């Protein structure tokens, strides 16, 4: 099976092609040996004293999409995201963001690109303790030499957006961890970047606060529509936040797809094990469970006129409840047209398959 599901229609904001990152003094030699001899990660370490951080990764991220990159510790996800604004220099490969060849930028151009095009939010809140909350948020605008009145106005507006407008005169130590992270997000957004890079931004927070911030980020993203690369080791978080997910292992991308794609059609045993603990109830949708209407008609005839009808994005949980309430098959509709049918055995098979992988 291909590691990548069908690319949804949309304008690509980010394209990375065949990106490698090998750490060590002999990185170029190691890369040649990998390509010519097929050396493994452990062989590269033994022979060249070099560590493969990212291995031949190619991805496209659509404009306005929240694209989650996830994997276990050491999988290469954080290393990958640091290439987008060249905090790390790739050993090889191409990176394009909104048409800009990032690798072609000179130092001055790179600084301008970082200041104007990219916003970053890290796990560490990285707020300056001697600056007020408002001054922290305004800092990217100060770097752009925007006059003080304008940058304070824009910073105050962004603080209101993250519901911290009453805290502008406070200092970081006076805020909770969750509030500090919201300040970090406001600071990243204040300069109106085209792309947000978020490296495990909520992982240092306790579970309740983390979930609240996830909810707030989802709402904010729906309004601001920023293209976002979101790095996480938490599959539940990726499923809640991401439009699509890339799963990494040993520096390579193993599979790319929606949460439903990955849960229903894992590319290999590693991905299957990775998603085994995820409940299908809210992820799997009617279109993934249904059988085509014509196939059902050929075998069993037309479904009854009073059969319950759902849209193709109805969740498995909704389908189960309908199957409890009615003996009739469930008709699936798309754009007002009947396109498929779901029977109780279809639902049971989907639930059983999920239980078998848990």
Protein backbone atom coordinates (compact mmCIF):
# COMPACT_ATOMS: atom_id res chain seq x y z
CA UNK A 1 0.00 0.00 0.00
CA UNK A 2 1.21 3.52 -0.75
CA UNK A 3 2.28 5.56 2.24
CA UNK A 4 0.14 8.46 1.06
CA UNK A 5 -3.59 8.66 0.67
CA UNK A 6 -5.12 10.65 -2.14
CA UNK A 7 -4.18 14.31 -1.85
CA UNK A 8 -7.28 16.41 -1.18
CA UNK A 9 -7.97 19.18 -3.65
CA UNK A 10 -6.45 22.49 -2.66
CA UNK A 11 -3.64 24.94 -3.27
CA UNK A 12 -0.34 23.65 -1.91
CA UNK A 13 1.24 26.10 0.54
CA UNK A 14 4.22 23.91 1.45
CA UNK A 15 6.13 21.48 -0.73
CA UNK A 16 9.13 19.57 0.53
CA UNK A 17 10.88 17.15 -1.78
CA UNK A 18 13.35 14.40 -0.86
CA UNK A 19 14.58 16.12 2.29
CA UNK A 20 17.44 14.44 4.17
CA UNK A 21 19.08 15.47 7.41
CA UNK A 22 22.15 13.56 8.52
CA UNK A 23 24.01 14.76 11.58
CA UNK A 24 27.78 14.33 11.61
CA UNK A 25 30.98 15.55 9.98
CA UNK A 26 30.68 12.97 7.18
CA UNK A 27 27.02 13.57 6.36
CA UNK A 28 27.55 13.90 2.60
CA UNK A 29 29.56 10.69 2.46
CA UNK A 30 26.91 8.91 4.49
CA UNK A 31 24.13 10.09 2.16
CA UNK A 32 26.03 8.84 -0.89
CA UNK A 33 26.52 5.48 0.79
CA UNK A 34 22.81 5.26 1.64
CA UNK A 35 21.85 5.95 -1.97
CA UNK A 36 24.48 3.73 -3.56
CA UNK A 37 24.66 0.86 -1.07
CA UNK A 38 21.32 1.00 0.75
CA UNK A 39 22.91 1.37 4.19
CA UNK A 40 20.58 1.21 7.19
CA UNK A 41 20.41 3.82 9.92
CA UNK A 42 22.50 1.66 12.26
CA UNK A 43 25.08 0.98 9.54
CA UNK A 44 25.41 4.71 8.87
CA UNK A 45 26.05 5.32 12.55
CA UNK A 46 28.64 2.53 12.75
CA UNK A 47 30.47 3.35 9.52
CA UNK A 48 30.32 7.15 9.38
CA UNK A 49 29.55 8.11 12.99
CA UNK A 50 26.54 9.93 11.56
CA UNK A 51 22.88 9.97 12.63
CA UNK A 52 20.03 9.95 10.13
CA UNK A 53 17.45 12.42 11.46
CA UNK A 54 15.23 12.79 8.38
CA UNK A 55 15.30 10.32 5.51
CA UNK A 56 14.01 11.24 2.04
CA UNK A 57 10.80 12.96 3.15
CA UNK A 58 8.44 14.47 0.59
CA UNK A 59 5.20 16.16 1.61
CA UNK A 60 2.66 18.69 0.38
CA UNK A 61 0.54 20.76 2.76
CA UNK A 62 -2.49 22.63 1.45
CA UNK A 63 -3.16 26.28 2.12
CA UNK A 64 -5.16 26.64 5.35
CA UNK A 65 -4.64 23.01 6.33
CA UNK A 66 -3.67 21.78 9.79
CA UNK A 67 -1.15 19.08 9.00
CA UNK A 68 -0.03 16.98 11.96
CA UNK A 69 3.31 15.19 11.97
CA UNK A 70 3.55 12.57 14.65
CA UNK A 71 5.69 9.72 15.83
CA UNK A 72 7.49 8.39 18.85
CA UNK A 73 10.49 10.10 20.40
CA UNK A 74 13.39 9.98 17.94
CA UNK A 75 11.16 9.52 14.89
CA UNK A 76 12.40 12.76 13.30
CA UNK A 77 9.23 14.86 13.55
CA UNK A 78 10.76 17.84 15.40
CA UNK A 79 13.89 17.66 13.27
CA UNK A 80 11.72 17.84 10.16
CA UNK A 81 9.77 20.93 11.17
CA UNK A 82 12.96 22.86 11.95
CA UNK A 83 13.90 22.67 8.29
CA UNK A 84 10.93 24.73 7.16
CA UNK A 85 12.57 27.98 8.32
CA UNK A 86 16.10 26.58 8.22
CA UNK A 87 16.71 26.45 11.93
CA UNK A 88 18.33 23.27 10.66
CA UNK A 89 19.98 23.06 7.25
CA UNK A 90 19.00 19.91 5.35
CA UNK A 91 21.73 17.67 4.03
CA UNK A 92 19.80 17.48 0.77
CA UNK A 93 16.35 18.23 -0.63
CA UNK A 94 14.10 21.10 -1.61
CA UNK A 95 11.72 23.20 0.51
CA UNK A 96 9.15 25.59 -0.98
CA UNK A 97 6.75 27.69 1.07
CA UNK A 98 4.20 29.78 -0.83
CA UNK A 99 6.44 29.62 -3.88
CA UNK A 100 9.61 30.67 -2.06
CA UNK A 101 12.59 28.36 -2.46
CA UNK A 102 13.71 28.45 1.15
CA UNK A 103 17.08 26.86 0.40
CA UNK A 104 17.94 29.64 -2.06
CA UNK A 105 17.59 32.46 0.48
CA UNK A 106 20.70 34.37 1.54
CA UNK A 107 21.08 35.33 5.25
CA UNK A 108 19.24 38.64 4.84
CA UNK A 109 16.48 37.03 2.80
CA UNK A 110 16.15 34.21 5.31
CA UNK A 111 15.77 36.66 8.19
CA UNK A 112 13.09 38.56 6.27
CA UNK A 113 11.34 35.29 5.43
CA UNK A 114 11.32 34.19 9.07
CA UNK A 115 10.06 37.56 10.30
CA UNK A 116 7.26 37.92 7.76
CA UNK A 117 6.20 34.48 6.61
CA UNK A 118 6.65 32.07 9.54
CA UNK A 119 5.29 31.98 13.09
CA UNK A 120 6.60 29.44 15.59
CA UNK A 121 5.13 28.06 18.81
CA UNK A 122 7.28 25.73 20.89
CA UNK A 123 6.67 23.43 23.83
CA UNK A 124 8.74 25.87 25.88
CA UNK A 125 6.67 29.06 26.09
CA UNK A 126 9.84 31.18 25.60
CA UNK A 127 8.27 34.39 26.94
CA UNK A 128 10.67 37.18 27.94
CA UNK A 129 10.30 37.60 31.71
CA UNK A 130 11.21 41.31 31.75
CA UNK A 131 8.51 42.21 29.20
CA UNK A 132 4.81 42.49 29.86
CA UNK A 133 2.41 40.12 28.16
CA UNK A 134 1.45 42.86 25.68
CA UNK A 135 5.12 43.61 24.92
CA UNK A 136 5.82 39.91 24.38
CA UNK A 137 3.03 39.68 21.82
CA UNK A 138 4.18 42.88 20.10
CA UNK A 139 7.80 41.75 19.80
CA UNK A 140 7.60 40.35 16.22
CA UNK A 141 6.10 43.67 15.10
CA UNK A 142 8.88 45.57 16.86
CA UNK A 143 11.41 43.52 14.90
CA UNK A 144 9.65 44.70 11.74
CA UNK A 145 10.10 48.33 12.91
CA UNK A 146 6.35 48.94 13.06
CA UNK A 147 5.62 52.07 15.09
CA UNK A 148 4.75 51.55 18.74
CA UNK A 149 1.10 52.66 18.61
CA UNK A 150 0.33 50.32 15.72
CA UNK A 151 2.12 47.32 17.17
CA UNK A 152 0.45 47.77 20.54
CA UNK A 153 -2.92 48.03 18.84
CA UNK A 154 -2.33 44.84 16.89
CA UNK A 155 -0.91 43.02 19.92
CA UNK A 156 -3.94 44.01 22.01
CA UNK A 157 -6.25 42.77 19.27
CA UNK A 158 -4.46 39.42 19.17
CA UNK A 159 -4.59 39.10 22.97
CA UNK A 160 -8.34 39.62 22.74
CA UNK A 161 -8.51 36.89 20.10
CA UNK A 162 -6.94 34.40 22.56
CA UNK A 163 -9.13 35.78 25.38
CA UNK A 164 -6.29 37.34 27.39
CA UNK A 165 -7.02 41.02 26.76
CA UNK A 166 -7.29 41.69 30.51
CA UNK A 167 -3.76 40.37 31.12
CA UNK A 168 -1.72 42.62 28.85
CA UNK A 169 0.06 44.45 31.70
CA UNK A 170 0.96 41.28 33.59
CA UNK A 171 4.25 39.38 33.37
CA UNK A 172 4.83 35.76 32.40
CA UNK A 173 5.35 34.52 35.96
CA UNK A 174 1.88 35.80 36.88
CA UNK A 175 0.21 33.54 34.29
CA UNK A 176 -0.59 29.84 34.39
CA UNK A 177 1.10 27.49 31.94
CA UNK A 178 -1.96 27.39 29.70
CA UNK A 179 -2.19 31.18 29.66
CA UNK A 180 1.51 31.49 28.83
CA UNK A 181 1.06 29.17 25.88
CA UNK A 182 -1.84 31.27 24.64
CA UNK A 183 0.45 34.30 24.82
CA UNK A 184 2.99 32.35 22.77
CA UNK A 185 0.33 31.60 20.18
CA UNK A 186 -0.80 35.24 20.12
CA UNK A 187 2.81 36.35 19.59
CA UNK A 188 3.21 33.93 16.68
CA UNK A 189 0.00 35.19 15.07
CA UNK A 190 0.55 38.91 15.71
CA UNK A 191 2.76 39.34 12.66
CA UNK A 192 0.11 37.63 10.48
CA UNK A 193 2.42 34.88 9.19
CA UNK A 194 1.48 32.71 6.23
CA UNK A 195 2.56 29.51 8.01
CA UNK A 196 2.49 28.40 11.64
CA UNK A 197 5.03 25.86 12.89
CA UNK A 198 3.93 24.32 16.19
CA UNK A 199 6.30 21.88 17.87
CA UNK A 200 4.44 19.96 20.59
CA UNK A 201 2.96 23.23 21.89
CA UNK A 202 0.61 21.68 24.45
CA UNK A 203 2.57 18.65 25.61
CA UNK A 204 3.98 20.32 28.74
CA UNK A 205 0.49 21.07 30.05
CA UNK A 206 -1.72 18.89 32.21
CA UNK A 207 -4.39 16.88 30.34
CA UNK A 208 -7.37 19.13 31.14
CA UNK A 209 -5.61 22.35 30.13
CA UNK A 210 -4.17 20.64 27.06
CA UNK A 211 -7.63 19.62 25.87
CA UNK A 212 -9.01 23.12 26.48
CA UNK A 213 -6.20 24.66 24.44
CA UNK A 214 -6.75 22.13 21.67
CA UNK A 215 -10.40 23.20 21.52
CA UNK A 216 -9.44 26.88 21.48
CA UNK A 217 -6.85 26.30 18.77
CA UNK A 218 -9.39 24.44 16.61
CA UNK A 219 -11.83 27.38 16.90
CA UNK A 220 -9.09 29.93 16.22
CA UNK A 221 -7.85 28.00 13.20
CA UNK A 222 -11.36 27.90 11.72
CA UNK A 223 -11.38 31.71 11.81
CA UNK A 224 -7.78 32.55 10.85
CA UNK A 225 -7.23 29.68 8.38
CA UNK A 226 -3.46 29.60 8.83
CA UNK A 227 -1.50 26.82 7.18
CA UNK A 228 -0.18 24.92 10.18
CA UNK A 229 2.45 22.23 10.67
CA UNK A 230 1.60 20.73 14.05
CA UNK A 231 4.12 18.34 15.64
CA UNK A 232 2.91 15.93 18.31
CA UNK A 233 3.64 12.52 19.82
CA UNK A 234 0.01 12.22 20.95
CA UNK A 235 -2.21 10.40 18.45
CA UNK A 236 -5.40 11.55 20.18
CA UNK A 237 -4.25 15.15 19.75
CA UNK A 238 -3.40 14.59 16.08
CA UNK A 239 -6.81 13.03 15.46
CA UNK A 240 -8.63 15.93 17.15
CA UNK A 241 -6.65 18.71 15.48
CA UNK A 242 -5.30 17.52 12.16
CA UNK A 243 -6.97 17.71 8.78
CA UNK A 244 -4.35 15.15 7.76
CA UNK A 245 -1.67 13.26 9.64
CA UNK A 246 1.79 12.05 8.69
CA UNK A 247 3.24 9.24 10.81
CA UNK A 248 7.04 9.09 11.03
CA UNK A 249 9.37 6.29 12.01
CA UNK A 250 13.19 6.35 11.99
CA UNK A 251 13.23 9.61 10.06
CA UNK A 252 10.87 8.42 7.32
CA UNK A 253 7.22 9.16 6.65
CA UNK A 254 5.39 5.85 6.88
CA UNK A 255 1.88 7.03 5.99
CA UNK A 256 -0.03 10.22 5.23
CA UNK A 257 -3.80 10.55 5.34
CA UNK A 258 -6.84 11.65 7.29
CA UNK A 259 -7.39 10.06 10.69
CA UNK A 260 -10.06 7.89 9.10
CA UNK A 261 -7.70 6.79 6.30
CA UNK A 262 -5.01 5.77 8.76
CA UNK A 263 -7.31 4.02 11.22
CA UNK A 264 -9.22 2.13 8.52
CA UNK A 265 -6.28 1.40 6.20
CA UNK A 266 -2.96 1.36 8.09
CA UNK A 267 -0.01 1.10 5.69
CA UNK A 268 1.84 -1.51 7.75
CA UNK A 269 1.97 -3.27 11.11
CA UNK A 270 3.78 -0.32 12.73
CA UNK A 271 0.94 2.06 11.87
CA UNK A 272 -1.66 -0.54 12.84
CA UNK A 273 -0.04 -0.87 16.28
CA UNK A 274 0.21 2.90 16.53
CA UNK A 275 -3.52 3.45 15.98
CA UNK A 276 -4.75 0.33 17.80
CA UNK A 277 -5.87 2.25 20.87
CA UNK A 278 -7.92 4.84 18.99
CA UNK A 279 -11.70 4.47 19.14
CA UNK A 280 -13.33 4.33 15.74
CA UNK A 281 -16.63 5.74 17.01
CA UNK A 282 -15.93 9.41 16.25
CA UNK A 283 -13.38 8.91 13.45
CA UNK A 284 -14.96 6.48 11.00
CA UNK A 285 -17.63 8.03 8.79
CA UNK A 286 -20.56 6.59 6.87
CA UNK A 287 -18.84 6.80 3.48
CA UNK A 288 -16.14 4.38 4.73
CA UNK A 289 -18.67 1.82 5.96
CA UNK A 290 -21.35 1.89 3.26
CA UNK A 291 -21.72 -0.42 0.30
CA UNK A 292 -22.63 1.26 -3.03
CA UNK A 293 -26.35 1.66 -3.56
CA UNK A 294 -26.31 -0.29 -6.84
CA UNK A 295 -24.50 -3.20 -5.24
CA UNK A 296 -27.09 -3.35 -2.45
CA UNK A 297 -29.97 -3.14 -4.96
CA UNK A 298 -28.53 -5.94 -7.07
CA UNK A 299 -28.39 -8.25 -4.07
CA UNK A 300 -31.36 -7.26 -1.93
CA UNK A 301 -33.49 -4.82 -3.91
CA UNK A 302 -34.24 -1.20 -3.16
CA UNK A 303 -34.04 -0.10 0.51
CA UNK A 304 -37.41 0.80 2.05
CA UNK A 305 -38.64 4.36 1.54
CA UNK A 306 -38.83 4.93 5.30
CA UNK A 307 -35.25 3.74 5.93
CA UNK A 308 -33.25 6.19 8.07
CA UNK A 309 -31.03 8.49 6.02
CA UNK A 310 -27.72 10.09 6.97
CA UNK A 311 -25.09 12.25 5.31
CA UNK A 312 -21.87 10.58 4.23
CA UNK A 313 -19.94 12.21 7.10
CA UNK A 314 -22.15 10.69 9.84
CA UNK A 315 -19.99 9.07 12.51
CA UNK A 316 -19.86 5.38 13.37
CA UNK A 317 -21.35 6.28 16.75
CA UNK A 318 -24.40 7.81 15.02
CA UNK A 319 -24.75 4.75 12.79
CA UNK A 320 -24.72 2.40 15.78
CA UNK A 321 -27.49 4.40 17.45
CA UNK A 322 -29.62 4.30 14.27
CA UNK A 323 -29.08 0.54 14.01
CA UNK A 324 -30.32 0.18 17.58
CA UNK A 325 -33.41 2.29 16.90
CA UNK A 326 -34.40 0.74 13.56
CA UNK A 327 -34.24 -2.66 11.89
CA UNK A 328 -34.08 -1.07 8.43
CA UNK A 329 -30.80 -0.53 6.56
CA UNK A 330 -29.36 2.99 6.69
CA UNK A 331 -29.27 4.98 3.46
CA UNK A 332 -26.30 7.30 2.94
CA UNK A 333 -26.79 10.54 1.03
CA UNK A 334 -24.41 12.94 -0.69
CA UNK A 335 -25.61 16.30 -2.03
CA UNK A 336 -29.21 15.17 -1.65
CA UNK A 337 -28.74 11.94 -3.60
CA UNK A 338 -28.82 8.38 -2.20
CA UNK A 339 -25.35 6.88 -2.81
CA UNK A 340 -24.98 3.94 -0.45
CA UNK A 341 -26.49 1.61 2.12
CA UNK A 342 -25.23 0.45 5.52
CA UNK A 343 -26.56 -2.72 7.10
CA UNK A 344 -26.15 -3.96 10.64
CA UNK A 345 -23.54 -6.51 9.51
CA UNK A 346 -21.57 -3.65 7.89
CA UNK A 347 -21.54 -1.79 11.20
CA UNK A 348 -20.68 -4.89 13.23
CA UNK A 349 -17.82 -5.77 10.89
CA UNK A 350 -16.33 -2.29 11.29
CA UNK A 351 -16.61 -2.45 15.08
CA UNK A 352 -15.13 -5.98 15.21
CA UNK A 353 -12.18 -5.00 13.03
CA UNK A 354 -11.48 -2.10 15.38
CA UNK A 355 -11.69 -4.37 18.43
CA UNK A 356 -9.34 -6.93 16.88
CA UNK A 357 -6.60 -4.31 16.45
CA UNK A 358 -6.94 -2.96 19.99
